[in-house]
Amino acid sequence: MILDGKVVGCSTSRVYSAFLRKMISLCVIDRELTTPGTQVAVVWGDRGAVQREIRATVAKLPFKEDKRRIDVSPST
């Protein structure tokens, strides 16, 4: 991952989400850039092969609202 020409993280996987209808990716990123909404660029492609920068926006997990019906939180 790149911000202002500096490598700030690494995308570990990428996949198309049929639910969200867009590409999503997990990554490791510098802590100071983890605020949801931060704009970065992801370099797709292997070293020595064709690479391309793709714009990305930091988002927190989960990507969708949790609608489970069972409360799994610890009892207090």
C-alpha atoms as a PDB file:
ATOM      1  CA  MET A   1       0.000   0.000   0.000  1.00  0.00           C
ATOM      2  CA  ILE A   2       1.266   3.447  -0.881  1.00  0.00           C
ATOM      3  CA  LEU A   3       0.538   6.931   0.454  1.00  0.00           C
ATOM      4  CA  ASP A   4       2.369   9.987  -0.860  1.00  0.00           C
ATOM      5  CA  GLY A   5       4.917   7.749  -2.613  1.00  0.00           C
ATOM      6  CA  LYS A   6       5.822   5.851   0.600  1.00  0.00           C
ATOM      7  CA  VAL A   7       5.097   2.147   1.201  1.00  0.00           C
ATOM      8  CA  VAL A   8       2.768   2.045   4.238  1.00  0.00           C
ATOM      9  CA  GLY A   9       1.461  -1.501   4.209  1.00  0.00           C
ATOM     10  CA  CYS A  10       0.895  -4.755   2.387  1.00  0.00           C
ATOM     11  CA  SER A  11      -2.288  -6.231   0.937  1.00  0.00           C
ATOM     12  CA  THR A  12      -2.519  -9.884   1.949  1.00  0.00           C
ATOM     13  CA  SER A  13      -5.460 -10.915  -0.196  1.00  0.00           C
ATOM     14  CA  ARG A  14      -8.045  -9.535  -2.554  1.00  0.00           C
ATOM     15  CA  VAL A  15     -11.403 -10.806  -3.743  1.00  0.00           C
ATOM     16  CA  TYR A  16     -14.584  -9.569  -5.382  1.00  0.00           C
ATOM     17  CA  SER A  17     -17.447  -9.370  -2.854  1.00  0.00           C
ATOM     18  CA  ALA A  18     -20.754 -10.301  -4.479  1.00  0.00           C
ATOM     19  CA  PHE A  19     -22.534  -8.937  -1.386  1.00  0.00           C
ATOM     20  CA  LEU A  20     -20.834  -5.518  -1.562  1.00  0.00           C
ATOM     21  CA  ARG A  21     -20.462  -5.595  -5.371  1.00  0.00           C
ATOM     22  CA  LYS A  22     -16.870  -4.367  -5.188  1.00  0.00           C
ATOM     23  CA  MET A  23     -13.322  -5.565  -4.637  1.00  0.00           C
ATOM     24  CA  ILE A  24     -12.207  -5.940  -1.023  1.00  0.00           C
ATOM     25  CA  SER A  25      -8.787  -6.708   0.429  1.00  0.00           C
ATOM     26  CA  LEU A  26      -7.280  -7.474   3.807  1.00  0.00           C
ATOM     27  CA  CYS A  27      -4.035  -5.726   4.607  1.00  0.00           C
ATOM     28  CA  VAL A  28      -1.407  -4.836   7.151  1.00  0.00           C
ATOM     29  CA  ILE A  29      -1.029  -1.039   7.323  1.00  0.00           C
ATOM     30  CA  ASP A  30       0.818   1.524   9.454  1.00  0.00           C
ATOM     31  CA  ARG A  31      -1.180   2.156  12.645  1.00  0.00           C
ATOM     32  CA  GLU A  32      -1.491   5.912  12.073  1.00  0.00           C
ATOM     33  CA  LEU A  33      -3.338   5.251   8.785  1.00  0.00           C
ATOM     34  CA  THR A  34      -6.013   2.904  10.159  1.00  0.00           C
ATOM     35  CA  THR A  35      -8.705   5.579  10.469  1.00  0.00           C
ATOM     36  CA  PRO A  36     -11.696   4.522   8.325  1.00  0.00           C
ATOM     37  CA  GLY A  37     -11.920   6.712   5.238  1.00  0.00           C
ATOM     38  CA  THR A  38      -8.144   7.113   4.774  1.00  0.00           C
ATOM     39  CA  GLN A  39      -7.304   7.031   1.047  1.00  0.00           C
ATOM     40  CA  VAL A  40      -4.333   4.879  -0.068  1.00  0.00           C
ATOM     41  CA  ALA A  41      -3.182   3.102  -3.224  1.00  0.00           C
ATOM     42  CA  VAL A  42      -2.697  -0.653  -3.558  1.00  0.00           C
ATOM     43  CA  VAL A  43      -0.114  -1.955  -6.032  1.00  0.00           C
ATOM     44  CA  TRP A  44      -1.564  -5.005  -7.806  1.00  0.00           C
ATOM     45  CA  GLY A  45       0.728  -7.341  -9.690  1.00  0.00           C
ATOM     46  CA  ASP A  46       3.862  -9.326  -9.038  1.00  0.00           C
ATOM     47  CA  ARG A  47       7.340  -7.784  -8.927  1.00  0.00           C
ATOM     48  CA  GLY A  48       8.951  -7.932 -12.336  1.00  0.00           C
ATOM     49  CA  ALA A  49       5.545  -8.161 -14.015  1.00  0.00           C
ATOM     50  CA  VAL A  50       2.991  -5.536 -14.963  1.00  0.00           C
ATOM     51  CA  GLN A  51       1.833  -3.666 -11.854  1.00  0.00           C
ATOM     52  CA  ARG A  52      -0.943  -1.137 -11.420  1.00  0.00           C
ATOM     53  CA  GLU A  53      -1.897   1.245  -8.610  1.00  0.00           C
ATOM     54  CA  ILE A  54      -5.518   0.900  -7.493  1.00  0.00           C
ATOM     55  CA  ARG A  55      -7.156   3.504  -5.246  1.00  0.00           C
ATOM     56  CA  ALA A  56      -8.422   2.130  -1.937  1.00  0.00           C
ATOM     57  CA  THR A  57     -10.234   3.414   1.136  1.00  0.00           C
ATOM     58  CA  VAL A  58      -9.535   2.089   4.642  1.00  0.00           C
ATOM     59  CA  ALA A  59     -12.660   0.572   6.241  1.00  0.00           C
ATOM     60  CA  LYS A  60     -13.203  -1.157   9.570  1.00  0.00           C
ATOM     61  CA  LEU A  61     -14.428  -4.722   9.886  1.00  0.00           C
ATOM     62  CA  PRO A  62     -17.013  -6.048   9.533  1.00  0.00           C
ATOM     63  CA  PHE A  63     -17.979  -4.576   6.171  1.00  0.00           C
ATOM     64  CA  LYS A  64     -21.655  -5.139   6.873  1.00  0.00           C
ATOM     65  CA  GLU A  65     -23.877  -4.813   9.918  1.00  0.00           C
ATOM     66  CA  ASP A  66     -23.902  -7.866  12.206  1.00  0.00           C
ATOM     67  CA  LYS A  67     -27.516  -9.069  12.353  1.00  0.00           C
ATOM     68  CA  ARG A  68     -27.020 -12.236  14.376  1.00  0.00           C
ATOM     69  CA  ARG A  69     -29.970 -13.052  16.609  1.00  0.00           C
ATOM     70  CA  ILE A  70     -27.909 -14.661  19.375  1.00  0.00           C
ATOM     71  CA  ASP A  71     -26.082 -12.488  21.910  1.00  0.00           C
ATOM     72  CA  VAL A  72     -22.564 -13.940  22.080  1.00  0.00           C
ATOM     73  CA  SER A  73     -21.107 -11.220  24.286  1.00  0.00           C
ATOM     74  CA  PRO A  74     -19.660 -12.264  27.681  1.00  0.00           C
ATOM     75  CA  SER A  75     -22.044 -12.147  30.624  1.00  0.00           C
ATOM     76  CA  THR A  76     -21.468  -9.380  33.155  1.00  0.00           C
END
